[in-house]
């Protein structure tokens, strides 16, 4: 299964585009999914090093996608604008990121998981 850097799963195109843009501008390869079904399909074709998934998706549970990603070897984070204590009991709160996500927090999270990309064109 080919490996890629990051998968962003969110039903809001603006959120996907902003997060992907930040990561791509810093040299990461990013795929995007707007539904749980699309995320499932991408996860069967690729292993992502890091997966960010919105908790509340219109066609399913984002935490289930995060769990699937973890099972295939990805580091997965559930994004939520809601309180962390509202996430399902089986999901470790250390693997959550509160929305809105700041640029520095996003980059720090990815770098802590997989490091800087080999040909990083990271901005200061």
Protein backbone atom coordinates (compact mmCIF):
# COMPACT_ATOMS: atom_id res chain seq x y z
CA UNK A 1 0.00 0.00 0.00
CA UNK A 2 1.59 3.33 -1.03
CA UNK A 3 2.33 5.74 1.80
CA UNK A 4 1.40 9.41 1.75
CA UNK A 5 1.91 12.20 4.28
CA UNK A 6 -1.48 13.55 5.39
CA UNK A 7 -5.19 12.96 4.85
CA UNK A 8 -7.64 15.67 5.89
CA UNK A 9 -11.28 14.61 6.31
CA UNK A 10 -13.83 17.38 6.81
CA UNK A 11 -17.22 18.07 5.27
CA UNK A 12 -16.47 21.81 5.02
CA UNK A 13 -14.49 22.53 1.82
CA UNK A 14 -13.06 25.74 3.30
CA UNK A 15 -11.59 23.88 6.28
CA UNK A 16 -10.10 21.19 4.05
CA UNK A 17 -8.61 23.79 1.71
CA UNK A 18 -7.09 25.96 4.44
CA UNK A 19 -5.51 23.03 6.32
CA UNK A 20 -4.27 21.40 3.11
CA UNK A 21 -2.85 24.72 1.89
CA UNK A 22 -0.88 25.25 5.08
CA UNK A 23 0.59 21.76 4.91
CA UNK A 24 1.30 21.86 1.17
CA UNK A 25 2.98 25.26 1.51
CA UNK A 26 5.31 23.56 4.00
CA UNK A 27 6.18 20.65 1.72
CA UNK A 28 3.74 17.95 2.81
CA UNK A 29 1.76 15.78 0.39
CA UNK A 30 -1.93 16.10 1.31
CA UNK A 31 -5.11 14.34 0.19
CA UNK A 32 -8.59 15.54 1.10
CA UNK A 33 -11.90 13.79 1.71
CA UNK A 34 -15.29 15.43 2.21
CA UNK A 35 -17.19 12.38 3.41
CA UNK A 36 -16.65 9.28 5.53
CA UNK A 37 -17.21 7.16 2.42
CA UNK A 38 -14.52 9.05 0.51
CA UNK A 39 -12.13 8.74 3.47
CA UNK A 40 -12.76 4.99 3.65
CA UNK A 41 -11.96 4.67 -0.04
CA UNK A 42 -8.71 6.64 0.27
CA UNK A 43 -7.68 4.63 3.34
CA UNK A 44 -8.06 1.39 1.35
CA UNK A 45 -5.74 2.76 -1.36
CA UNK A 46 -3.07 4.52 0.74
CA UNK A 47 -1.52 4.48 4.18
CA UNK A 48 -1.29 8.02 5.48
CA UNK A 49 1.30 8.92 8.04
CA UNK A 50 -1.13 11.38 9.71
CA UNK A 51 -4.91 11.65 9.42
CA UNK A 52 -7.01 14.60 10.62
CA UNK A 53 -10.72 13.89 10.68
CA UNK A 54 -13.66 16.01 11.76
CA UNK A 55 -15.62 14.30 14.50
CA UNK A 56 -19.09 15.09 13.18
CA UNK A 57 -19.51 14.12 9.56
CA UNK A 58 -22.88 14.10 7.81
CA UNK A 59 -22.48 10.50 6.63
CA UNK A 60 -20.86 8.95 9.69
CA UNK A 61 -18.61 9.16 12.71
CA UNK A 62 -15.21 10.75 12.25
CA UNK A 63 -13.83 8.89 15.28
CA UNK A 64 -14.53 5.62 13.44
CA UNK A 65 -12.37 6.85 10.54
CA UNK A 66 -9.63 7.83 12.99
CA UNK A 67 -9.78 4.36 14.55
CA UNK A 68 -9.58 2.72 11.11
CA UNK A 69 -6.61 4.91 10.18
CA UNK A 70 -4.87 3.94 13.42
CA UNK A 71 -5.48 0.24 12.72
CA UNK A 72 -3.59 0.52 9.42
CA UNK A 73 -0.67 2.36 10.99
CA UNK A 74 -1.52 6.06 10.74
CA UNK A 75 -1.40 8.58 13.54
CA UNK A 76 -4.93 9.99 13.67
CA UNK A 77 -6.41 13.09 15.24
CA UNK A 78 -10.08 13.91 15.67
CA UNK A 79 -10.86 17.59 15.07
CA UNK A 80 -13.75 19.12 16.94
CA UNK A 81 -15.19 22.47 17.82
CA UNK A 82 -16.93 20.77 20.74
CA UNK A 83 -15.67 19.89 24.17
CA UNK A 84 -13.20 17.02 24.26
CA UNK A 85 -15.21 15.27 26.95
CA UNK A 86 -18.01 14.80 24.41
CA UNK A 87 -15.90 12.49 22.23
CA UNK A 88 -16.63 8.76 22.43
CA UNK A 89 -15.15 7.11 25.51
CA UNK A 90 -12.82 4.87 23.50
CA UNK A 91 -10.99 7.78 21.90
CA UNK A 92 -7.93 9.11 23.72
CA UNK A 93 -8.25 12.91 24.19
CA UNK A 94 -4.52 13.31 23.47
CA UNK A 95 -5.43 12.59 19.85
CA UNK A 96 -7.88 15.47 19.52
CA UNK A 97 -7.41 18.94 18.12
CA UNK A 98 -9.86 21.69 18.88
CA UNK A 99 -11.24 23.79 16.04
CA UNK A 100 -10.43 26.34 14.89
CA UNK A 101 -6.95 24.95 14.37
CA UNK A 102 -4.11 27.44 14.37
CA UNK A 103 -1.45 27.22 11.68
CA UNK A 104 1.37 26.75 14.21
CA UNK A 105 -0.53 24.03 16.07
CA UNK A 106 -1.23 22.13 12.84
CA UNK A 107 2.39 22.28 11.71
CA UNK A 108 3.73 21.37 15.15
CA UNK A 109 1.42 18.36 15.31
CA UNK A 110 2.46 17.05 11.91
CA UNK A 111 6.15 17.68 12.56
CA UNK A 112 5.96 15.88 15.92
CA UNK A 113 4.42 12.86 14.18
CA UNK A 114 6.47 12.61 10.99
CA UNK A 115 9.07 15.36 11.03
CA UNK A 116 9.68 17.94 8.34
CA UNK A 117 9.30 16.82 4.73
CA UNK A 118 12.62 15.91 3.04
CA UNK A 119 12.43 18.79 0.57
CA UNK A 120 10.76 21.20 2.94
CA UNK A 121 10.00 24.62 1.61
CA UNK A 122 8.79 25.61 5.04
CA UNK A 123 8.15 29.24 5.68
CA UNK A 124 9.61 30.86 8.82
